[in-house]
Amino acid sequence: MDYWQSLGKAWAEIVAKTWSDEAFKKRVEADPVAVLKQYGVDPTGKVDIKLLKNTSTGMIGLPLPSKPEGLGDQSSRLWAEGGTQFCSTCSTCSS
C-alpha cells in the first residue's frame, strides 16, 4: 500500500471513530497530525494537514496546486476555460 492509500485508509478509520467517540473527535480537532501518526501515517514533509469541518450549510475544500513544470500559456488557458478535469486529490500528481 503506498503512502496515499495508507493516508486514506487511516483517515477513514479516524473519521468513523469520531462519530462514536466525542473525546477522540476533540483530539482530532486539536491535532490531526498527531492522531494520523498514531495510526501509522506521518504527513510531515509530505503534505500539510488542515482540518475542515463540515457544517449544516456544507463545506468544500478547494486545493490550490502549484503550477506544474513546463505548463505553457496555452495549457494554462485550457485549465482556466475548464479544458482539464477538476481533481480533488491534492498532491498525488506531483509526488
Protein backbone atom coordinates (compact mmCIF):
# COMPACT_ATOMS: atom_id res chain seq x y z
CA MET A 1 0.00 0.00 0.00
CA ASP A 2 1.50 3.37 -0.94
CA TYR A 3 1.55 6.48 1.24
CA TRP A 4 -1.65 7.99 -0.20
CA GLN A 5 -3.58 4.76 0.21
CA SER A 6 -2.33 4.47 3.79
CA LEU A 7 -3.38 8.06 4.47
CA GLY A 8 -6.86 7.45 3.02
CA LYS A 9 -7.35 4.22 4.99
CA ALA A 10 -6.17 5.80 8.24
CA TRP A 11 -8.36 8.86 7.72
CA ALA A 12 -11.43 6.69 7.05
CA GLU A 13 -10.82 4.84 10.33
CA ILE A 14 -10.29 8.12 12.19
CA VAL A 15 -13.49 9.68 10.82
CA ALA A 16 -15.53 6.62 11.72
CA LYS A 17 -14.21 6.70 15.28
CA THR A 18 -15.02 10.44 15.65
CA TRP A 19 -18.68 9.62 15.03
CA SER A 20 -18.87 7.45 18.14
CA ASP A 21 -16.22 8.92 20.45
CA GLU A 22 -16.55 12.61 21.32
CA ALA A 23 -13.26 12.72 23.26
CA PHE A 24 -11.41 11.24 20.27
CA LYS A 25 -13.12 13.77 17.98
CA LYS A 26 -11.80 16.61 20.16
CA ARG A 27 -8.28 15.14 19.89
CA VAL A 28 -8.58 15.03 16.10
CA GLU A 29 -9.81 18.62 16.01
CA ALA A 30 -6.97 19.76 18.27
CA ASP A 31 -4.12 17.93 16.49
CA PRO A 32 -5.00 15.83 13.42
CA VAL A 33 -1.31 15.27 12.60
CA ALA A 34 -0.65 13.63 15.98
CA VAL A 35 -3.65 11.35 15.52
CA LEU A 36 -2.54 10.39 12.00
CA LYS A 37 0.89 9.50 13.39
CA GLN A 38 -0.80 7.26 15.97
CA TYR A 39 -2.45 5.48 13.03
CA GLY A 40 0.93 4.92 11.38
CA VAL A 41 0.83 7.76 8.86
CA ASP A 42 3.29 10.65 9.22
CA PRO A 43 2.38 13.54 6.89
CA THR A 44 5.43 15.59 7.96
CA GLY A 45 7.22 16.83 4.85
CA LYS A 46 4.73 15.17 2.51
CA VAL A 47 1.54 17.17 2.89
CA ASP A 48 0.13 19.96 5.03
CA ILE A 49 -2.88 18.82 7.04
CA LYS A 50 -5.69 21.30 7.64
CA LEU A 51 -8.88 20.03 9.21
CA LEU A 52 -12.04 21.30 7.52
CA LYS A 53 -15.23 20.72 9.47
CA ASN A 54 -18.48 20.22 7.60
CA THR A 55 -21.36 22.33 8.86
CA SER A 56 -25.10 22.29 8.27
CA THR A 57 -24.59 24.67 5.33
CA GLY A 58 -21.96 22.44 3.73
CA MET A 59 -18.28 22.70 3.05
CA ILE A 60 -15.92 22.25 0.14
CA GLY A 61 -12.14 22.20 0.18
CA LEU A 62 -10.54 23.83 -2.83
CA PRO A 63 -6.88 22.92 -3.26
CA LEU A 64 -4.57 25.47 -4.84
CA PRO A 65 -1.94 23.38 -6.62
CA SER A 66 1.49 24.63 -7.61
CA LYS A 67 1.95 25.32 -11.31
CA PRO A 68 3.34 22.17 -12.94
CA GLU A 69 6.76 22.50 -14.57
CA GLY A 70 6.56 23.04 -18.30
CA LEU A 71 2.97 24.27 -18.26
CA GLY A 72 2.78 26.87 -21.01
CA ASP A 73 0.34 29.72 -21.55
CA GLN A 74 -1.88 27.60 -23.82
CA SER A 75 -2.23 24.88 -21.18
CA SER A 76 -2.93 27.50 -18.52
CA ARG A 77 -5.70 28.96 -20.68
CA LEU A 78 -7.20 25.48 -21.21
CA TRP A 79 -7.18 24.93 -17.46
CA ALA A 80 -8.88 28.28 -16.86
CA GLU A 81 -11.50 27.53 -19.51
CA GLY A 82 -12.33 24.17 -17.99
CA GLY A 83 -10.38 22.18 -20.58
CA THR A 84 -9.00 19.90 -17.88
CA GLN A 85 -10.80 17.86 -15.30
CA PHE A 86 -11.00 19.13 -11.75
CA CYS A 87 -9.03 16.87 -9.44
CA SER A 88 -9.84 16.90 -5.74
CA THR A 89 -6.98 14.65 -4.61
CA CYS A 90 -4.25 17.02 -3.54
CA SER A 91 -0.58 16.45 -4.34
CA THR A 92 -0.82 12.99 -5.84
CA CYS A 93 0.02 14.28 -9.33
CA SER A 94 3.24 15.94 -8.25
CA SER A 95 4.58 13.21 -5.97
